[in-house]
Amino acid sequence: MQIKHASQALPLTVEPHIFEVLLAVSMRELQEAVHVLSMPRHVEANPENNDSVRKFLGNVFRSYGYDVQLQGHQFNLFIAPPDYVGTPCLLLGAHYDSSVESPGADDNASGVAVLMACARILQQFPPRHPVLFAFFNAYQQEVSGSAEFAAMLAAQRNQPVREAFILECVGVCADRPYSQRTPRGIPGLPDHGNFLGLLANWGSRHVLESVLRVARTYVPDLPVVGMHAPTASTTWRGDHTPFWRANIPTVLWTDTGEYRNPHHRKPTDTSDRLDYPFMQQVLLLLLSCALHTPPPRLRDPDED
């Protein structure tokens, strides 16, 4: 397992307009979204809440000017700019359901809220290359929502997703010694839980390197730690893994969930426990990556 820190990455040449866009970020917007989303919304145990959140997301994105499609048996949401014609794109995704009896503020209202704010700002300041959004359901059912979505992408002859970022629990920050536990198979993590973790497989390593460089350049105050996932470890668990199996270069963005958050998947995972300045930094990084997206890249077969 190789651990890389954004602080050690080679900085990029600064594009001044990106800093101008970052000024549109609002921490209150994140707080309000998490507050609305934080309710038990398990697909089977809380079907009414699950349906309510899905309709809320669809209405919000339509109000931003996006095209919204309901996709698959698991009721995933697929969201694209109105003029999107299937050109290579960056896909941003997160699951919108929660565990049974958990309000799911960190897991995963935090990821959904960051994507909502990112989408709003990108409609005001369109990136050079398309950015699409996906919200997966049925995470607790062996990630069947994201698996269905990734299979749909893989079945397309000209698969348009150049790379994907999956946000899973990005709202908890604990800047004290031993607040961070280490997942099995990932030695060398800091013991302060104040960093954003980025997890990539072998075929996604070039995407990870790019995000670390963007972080060093545009969001230097956010500690970002990149990790390469060992095969057949606990890191192959989550909405990112169906994309890896479909050979789509994908990086998981996470606060590491249960390895940092003592309220993970519990009734106490509430909106008042999140660190919104930390979430704001994650949003800044996500926007910077979307705006600094490189031109379409031919995939090296050796990376699959």
Protein backbone atom coordinates (compact mmCIF):
# COMPACT_ATOMS: atom_id res chain seq x y z
CA MET A 1 0.00 0.00 0.00
CA GLN A 2 1.39 3.35 -1.06
CA ILE A 3 0.30 6.49 0.79
CA LYS A 4 0.67 9.86 -0.93
CA HIS A 5 0.05 13.33 0.49
CA ALA A 6 -1.15 16.29 -1.56
CA SER A 7 1.35 18.49 0.27
CA GLN A 8 4.12 16.55 -1.49
CA ALA A 9 2.55 16.64 -4.96
CA LEU A 10 3.87 18.74 -7.81
CA PRO A 11 1.72 21.88 -8.08
CA LEU A 12 -0.02 22.77 -11.32
CA THR A 13 0.13 26.02 -13.24
CA VAL A 14 -2.57 28.17 -11.67
CA GLU A 15 -5.64 29.09 -13.71
CA PRO A 16 -6.83 32.33 -12.04
CA HIS A 17 -10.48 31.93 -13.08
CA ILE A 18 -10.78 28.86 -10.84
CA PHE A 19 -10.15 30.97 -7.73
CA GLU A 20 -12.90 33.32 -8.90
CA VAL A 21 -15.37 30.43 -9.11
CA LEU A 22 -14.44 29.18 -5.66
CA LEU A 23 -15.75 32.43 -4.19
CA ALA A 24 -19.29 31.19 -5.00
CA VAL A 25 -19.04 28.44 -2.38
CA SER A 26 -21.41 28.81 0.59
CA MET A 27 -21.06 26.79 3.79
CA ARG A 28 -24.66 27.60 4.72
CA GLU A 29 -25.80 25.91 1.50
CA LEU A 30 -24.14 22.70 2.68
CA GLN A 31 -25.68 22.96 6.14
CA GLU A 32 -29.17 23.49 4.76
CA ALA A 33 -28.91 20.57 2.36
CA VAL A 34 -27.67 18.15 5.00
CA HIS A 35 -30.44 19.26 7.35
CA VAL A 36 -33.11 18.51 4.73
CA LEU A 37 -31.59 15.17 3.72
CA SER A 38 -30.90 13.83 7.22
CA MET A 39 -33.72 11.39 7.86
CA PRO A 40 -33.83 7.59 7.90
CA ARG A 41 -34.21 6.76 4.19
CA HIS A 42 -33.35 3.09 3.85
CA VAL A 43 -34.83 1.77 0.60
CA GLU A 44 -36.79 -1.03 2.35
CA ALA A 45 -37.23 0.16 5.94
CA ASN A 46 -38.10 3.79 5.07
CA PRO A 47 -39.52 3.73 1.53
CA GLU A 48 -41.55 6.94 1.92
CA ASN A 49 -38.53 8.94 3.06
CA ASN A 50 -36.39 7.30 0.38
CA ASP A 51 -38.91 8.34 -2.27
CA SER A 52 -39.17 11.84 -0.78
CA VAL A 53 -35.42 12.42 -0.93
CA ARG A 54 -35.24 11.16 -4.51
CA LYS A 55 -38.01 13.53 -5.60
CA PHE A 56 -36.35 16.39 -3.71
CA LEU A 57 -33.07 15.82 -5.55
CA GLY A 58 -34.82 15.61 -8.91
CA ASN A 59 -36.65 18.87 -8.30
CA VAL A 60 -33.51 20.67 -7.14
CA PHE A 61 -31.50 19.63 -10.18
CA ARG A 62 -34.31 20.54 -12.56
CA SER A 63 -34.42 23.98 -10.93
CA TYR A 64 -30.70 24.30 -11.68
CA GLY A 65 -31.40 23.59 -15.36
CA TYR A 66 -30.21 19.96 -15.60
CA ASP A 67 -31.93 17.05 -17.33
CA VAL A 68 -32.92 14.42 -14.76
CA GLN A 69 -33.53 10.73 -15.56
CA LEU A 70 -34.70 7.94 -13.29
CA GLN A 71 -32.55 4.95 -14.13
CA GLY A 72 -32.83 1.23 -13.39
CA HIS A 73 -34.75 -0.96 -10.98
CA GLN A 74 -33.04 0.66 -7.97
CA PHE A 75 -34.25 4.17 -8.81
CA ASN A 76 -30.89 5.80 -9.44
CA LEU A 77 -30.85 9.39 -10.65
CA PHE A 78 -28.78 10.30 -13.72
CA ILE A 79 -28.28 14.03 -14.20
CA ALA A 80 -26.71 15.83 -17.16
CA PRO A 81 -26.47 19.35 -18.57
CA PRO A 82 -29.26 19.99 -21.09
CA ASP A 83 -26.86 20.19 -24.04
CA TYR A 84 -24.92 17.00 -23.20
CA VAL A 85 -24.41 14.80 -26.29
CA GLY A 86 -22.36 11.88 -24.95
CA THR A 87 -18.87 13.34 -25.17
CA PRO A 88 -16.22 12.14 -22.68
CA CYS A 89 -17.07 13.45 -19.25
CA LEU A 90 -16.32 13.50 -15.55
CA LEU A 91 -18.97 11.65 -13.50
CA LEU A 92 -19.62 12.65 -9.88
CA GLY A 93 -21.64 10.20 -7.79
CA ALA A 94 -22.94 9.46 -4.29
CA HIS A 95 -25.59 7.22 -2.74
CA TYR A 96 -28.63 8.96 -1.30
CA ASP A 97 -30.12 6.24 0.92
CA SER A 98 -29.16 5.58 4.55
CA SER A 99 -28.82 2.71 6.98
CA VAL A 100 -31.88 1.50 8.90
CA GLU A 101 -32.85 3.95 11.69
CA SER A 102 -29.95 6.29 10.87
CA PRO A 103 -30.50 9.90 9.71
CA GLY A 104 -27.35 9.37 7.67
CA ALA A 105 -25.92 12.87 7.94
CA ASP A 106 -22.34 11.82 7.21
CA ASP A 107 -23.44 8.60 5.49
CA ASN A 108 -24.23 9.98 2.99
CA ALA A 109 -26.07 13.30 3.13
CA SER A 110 -22.63 14.89 3.30
CA GLY A 111 -21.61 13.54 -0.11
CA VAL A 112 -24.98 14.37 -1.66
CA ALA A 113 -24.91 17.94 -0.31
CA VAL A 114 -21.43 18.57 -1.74
CA LEU A 115 -22.55 17.34 -5.16
CA MET A 116 -25.67 19.52 -5.05
CA ALA A 117 -23.62 22.65 -4.35
CA CYS A 118 -21.07 21.66 -6.99
CA ALA A 119 -23.80 21.25 -9.61
CA ARG A 120 -25.33 24.63 -8.84
CA ILE A 121 -22.02 26.44 -9.18
CA LEU A 122 -21.02 24.62 -12.37
CA GLN A 123 -24.25 25.76 -14.00
CA GLN A 124 -23.16 29.34 -13.28
CA PHE A 125 -19.57 28.72 -14.37
CA PRO A 126 -19.61 25.92 -16.98
CA PRO A 127 -16.45 23.80 -17.11
CA ARG A 128 -14.55 23.17 -20.32
CA HIS A 129 -15.55 19.49 -20.33
CA PRO A 130 -18.92 18.00 -19.33
CA VAL A 131 -19.65 17.03 -15.73
CA LEU A 132 -22.46 14.55 -15.06
CA PHE A 133 -23.99 13.53 -11.73
CA ALA A 134 -25.38 10.24 -10.45
CA PHE A 135 -27.17 9.45 -7.20
CA PHE A 136 -27.35 5.78 -6.30
CA ASN A 137 -29.94 3.98 -4.21
CA ALA A 138 -29.81 0.67 -2.32
CA TYR A 139 -26.27 1.03 -0.96
CA GLN A 140 -27.12 -1.30 1.90
CA GLN A 141 -28.29 -3.98 -0.56
CA GLU A 142 -24.72 -4.84 -1.59
CA VAL A 143 -24.34 -1.56 -3.50
CA SER A 144 -26.89 -2.81 -6.01
CA GLY A 145 -27.78 0.71 -7.15
CA SER A 146 -24.25 1.70 -8.19
CA ALA A 147 -23.67 -1.81 -9.57
CA GLU A 148 -26.71 -1.41 -11.81
CA PHE A 149 -25.55 2.03 -12.91
CA ALA A 150 -21.99 0.93 -13.68
CA ALA A 151 -23.32 -2.04 -15.66
CA MET A 152 -25.43 0.35 -17.71
CA LEU A 153 -22.34 2.42 -18.52
CA ALA A 154 -20.27 -0.65 -19.37
CA ALA A 155 -22.94 -1.85 -21.80
CA GLN A 156 -22.65 1.31 -23.88
CA ARG A 157 -20.49 0.87 -26.97
CA ASN A 158 -18.91 4.32 -26.67
CA GLN A 159 -18.71 4.62 -22.91
CA PRO A 160 -18.57 8.38 -22.28
CA VAL A 161 -17.25 8.44 -18.70
CA ARG A 162 -13.56 9.30 -18.80
CA GLU A 163 -13.22 9.18 -15.02
CA ALA A 164 -15.46 9.19 -11.94
CA PHE A 165 -15.33 10.53 -8.40
CA ILE A 166 -17.55 8.82 -5.81
CA LEU A 167 -18.22 10.73 -2.57
CA GLU A 168 -18.92 8.56 0.46
CA CYS A 169 -18.97 10.19 3.93
CA VAL A 170 -17.13 13.52 3.63
CA GLY A 171 -18.45 15.41 6.68
CA VAL A 172 -16.42 14.34 9.73
CA CYS A 173 -13.12 15.90 10.77
CA ALA A 174 -11.38 15.14 14.06
CA ASP A 175 -8.12 17.02 14.57
CA ARG A 176 -6.82 15.19 17.61
CA PRO A 177 -4.33 12.35 18.12
CA TYR A 178 -5.67 8.82 17.60
CA SER A 179 -9.00 10.04 16.24
CA GLN A 180 -8.27 8.07 13.05
CA ARG A 181 -8.26 4.29 12.95
CA THR A 182 -6.57 2.40 10.15
CA PRO A 183 -8.50 0.01 7.89
CA ARG A 184 -6.93 -3.40 7.51
CA GLY A 185 -4.57 -3.42 4.56
CA ILE A 186 -3.85 0.35 4.61
CA PRO A 187 -0.89 0.96 6.92
CA GLY A 188 0.65 4.38 7.28
CA LEU A 189 -2.41 6.62 7.62
CA PRO A 190 -2.09 9.69 9.90
CA ASP A 191 -3.59 9.19 13.37
CA HIS A 192 -5.33 12.59 13.21
CA GLY A 193 -8.69 12.28 11.46
CA ASN A 194 -8.49 15.66 9.77
CA PHE A 195 -7.78 14.62 6.18
CA LEU A 196 -9.78 13.74 3.09
CA GLY A 197 -8.97 10.24 1.94
CA LEU A 198 -8.73 9.39 -1.77
CA LEU A 199 -8.81 5.72 -2.70
CA ALA A 200 -7.82 4.41 -6.14
CA ASN A 201 -7.13 1.06 -7.74
CA TRP A 202 -4.31 0.40 -10.18
CA GLY A 203 -6.32 1.51 -13.21
CA SER A 204 -7.22 4.79 -11.50
CA ARG A 205 -3.79 5.82 -10.31
CA HIS A 206 -3.42 8.58 -12.92
CA VAL A 207 -6.70 10.14 -11.72
CA LEU A 208 -5.51 10.04 -8.11
CA GLU A 209 -2.25 11.77 -9.04
CA SER A 210 -4.20 14.50 -10.82
CA VAL A 211 -6.48 15.15 -7.83
CA LEU A 212 -3.50 15.37 -5.47
CA ARG A 213 -1.88 17.99 -7.72
CA VAL A 214 -5.12 19.99 -7.92
CA ALA A 215 -5.40 19.86 -4.12
CA ARG A 216 -1.83 21.11 -3.69
CA THR A 217 -2.50 23.97 -6.11
CA TYR A 218 -5.98 25.21 -5.22
CA VAL A 219 -6.88 23.92 -1.73
CA PRO A 220 -3.54 23.74 0.12
CA ASP A 221 -5.16 24.05 3.56
CA LEU A 222 -7.03 20.74 3.16
CA PRO A 223 -4.94 17.71 4.14
CA VAL A 224 -5.50 15.14 1.39
CA VAL A 225 -4.13 11.60 1.56
CA GLY A 226 -4.12 9.32 -1.48
CA MET A 227 -4.20 5.55 -1.13
CA HIS A 228 -3.87 2.70 -3.61
CA ALA A 229 -6.31 -0.11 -2.78
CA PRO A 230 -4.86 -3.58 -2.30
CA THR A 231 -6.73 -6.24 -4.26
CA ALA A 232 -9.30 -8.23 -2.25
CA SER A 233 -9.12 -5.96 0.81
CA THR A 234 -11.81 -4.08 2.75
CA THR A 235 -11.16 -1.15 0.40
CA TRP A 236 -13.04 -3.05 -2.32
CA ARG A 237 -16.34 -2.27 -0.63
CA GLY A 238 -18.59 0.57 -1.66
CA ASP A 239 -20.10 2.39 -4.62
CA HIS A 240 -16.69 2.80 -6.25
CA THR A 241 -16.07 -0.94 -6.70
CA PRO A 242 -18.62 -1.56 -9.51
CA PHE A 243 -16.85 1.19 -11.48
CA TRP A 244 -13.47 -0.41 -10.87
CA ARG A 245 -14.84 -3.75 -12.06
CA ALA A 246 -16.20 -2.01 -15.18
CA ASN A 247 -12.69 -0.63 -15.86
CA ILE A 248 -13.80 2.98 -15.38
CA PRO A 249 -11.01 5.01 -13.70
CA THR A 250 -12.60 5.97 -10.38
CA VAL A 251 -11.47 7.56 -7.12
CA LEU A 252 -13.38 7.31 -3.85
CA TRP A 253 -13.47 10.52 -1.75
CA THR A 254 -14.08 9.80 1.94
CA ASP A 255 -13.50 10.77 5.55
CA THR A 256 -13.06 6.97 6.02
CA GLY A 257 -16.49 6.48 7.63
CA GLU A 258 -16.48 4.10 10.59
CA TYR A 259 -12.71 4.42 10.95
CA ARG A 260 -13.19 8.01 12.11
CA ASN A 261 -16.86 8.58 12.89
CA PRO A 262 -18.17 6.86 16.07
CA HIS A 263 -21.74 7.59 14.94
CA HIS A 264 -21.40 5.83 11.59
CA ARG A 265 -24.67 4.08 10.62
CA LYS A 266 -26.22 4.87 13.99
CA PRO A 267 -29.25 6.98 15.02
CA THR A 268 -26.72 9.55 16.26
CA ASP A 269 -25.35 10.29 12.76
CA THR A 270 -27.07 13.68 12.81
CA SER A 271 -26.49 16.94 10.95
CA ASP A 272 -25.25 18.82 14.03
CA ARG A 273 -22.23 16.51 14.32
CA LEU A 274 -20.68 17.34 10.96
CA ASP A 275 -17.76 19.66 10.33
CA TYR A 276 -19.04 22.09 7.70
CA PRO A 277 -15.76 24.00 7.21
CA PHE A 278 -14.22 20.63 6.31
CA MET A 279 -17.06 19.91 3.88
CA GLN A 280 -16.56 23.34 2.36
CA GLN A 281 -12.92 22.48 1.68
CA VAL A 282 -13.99 19.22 0.03
CA LEU A 283 -16.36 21.19 -2.19
CA LEU A 284 -13.58 23.61 -3.12
CA LEU A 285 -11.42 20.69 -4.19
CA LEU A 286 -14.22 19.06 -6.17
CA LEU A 287 -14.93 22.28 -8.06
CA SER A 288 -11.24 22.79 -8.75
CA CYS A 289 -10.98 19.30 -10.22
CA ALA A 290 -14.06 19.81 -12.39
CA LEU A 291 -12.79 23.13 -13.69
CA HIS A 292 -9.24 21.87 -14.24
CA THR A 293 -10.39 18.71 -15.99
CA PRO A 294 -7.80 17.69 -18.59
CA PRO A 295 -8.81 16.96 -22.18
CA PRO A 296 -10.07 13.45 -23.03
CA ARG A 297 -7.40 10.84 -22.38
CA LEU A 298 -6.97 7.52 -24.18
CA ARG A 299 -6.93 4.72 -21.65
CA ASP A 300 -3.82 2.59 -21.43
CA PRO A 301 -4.92 -1.09 -21.60
CA ASP A 302 -2.21 -1.96 -19.07
CA GLU A 303 -4.06 0.12 -16.49
CA ASP A 304 -7.18 -2.10 -16.54
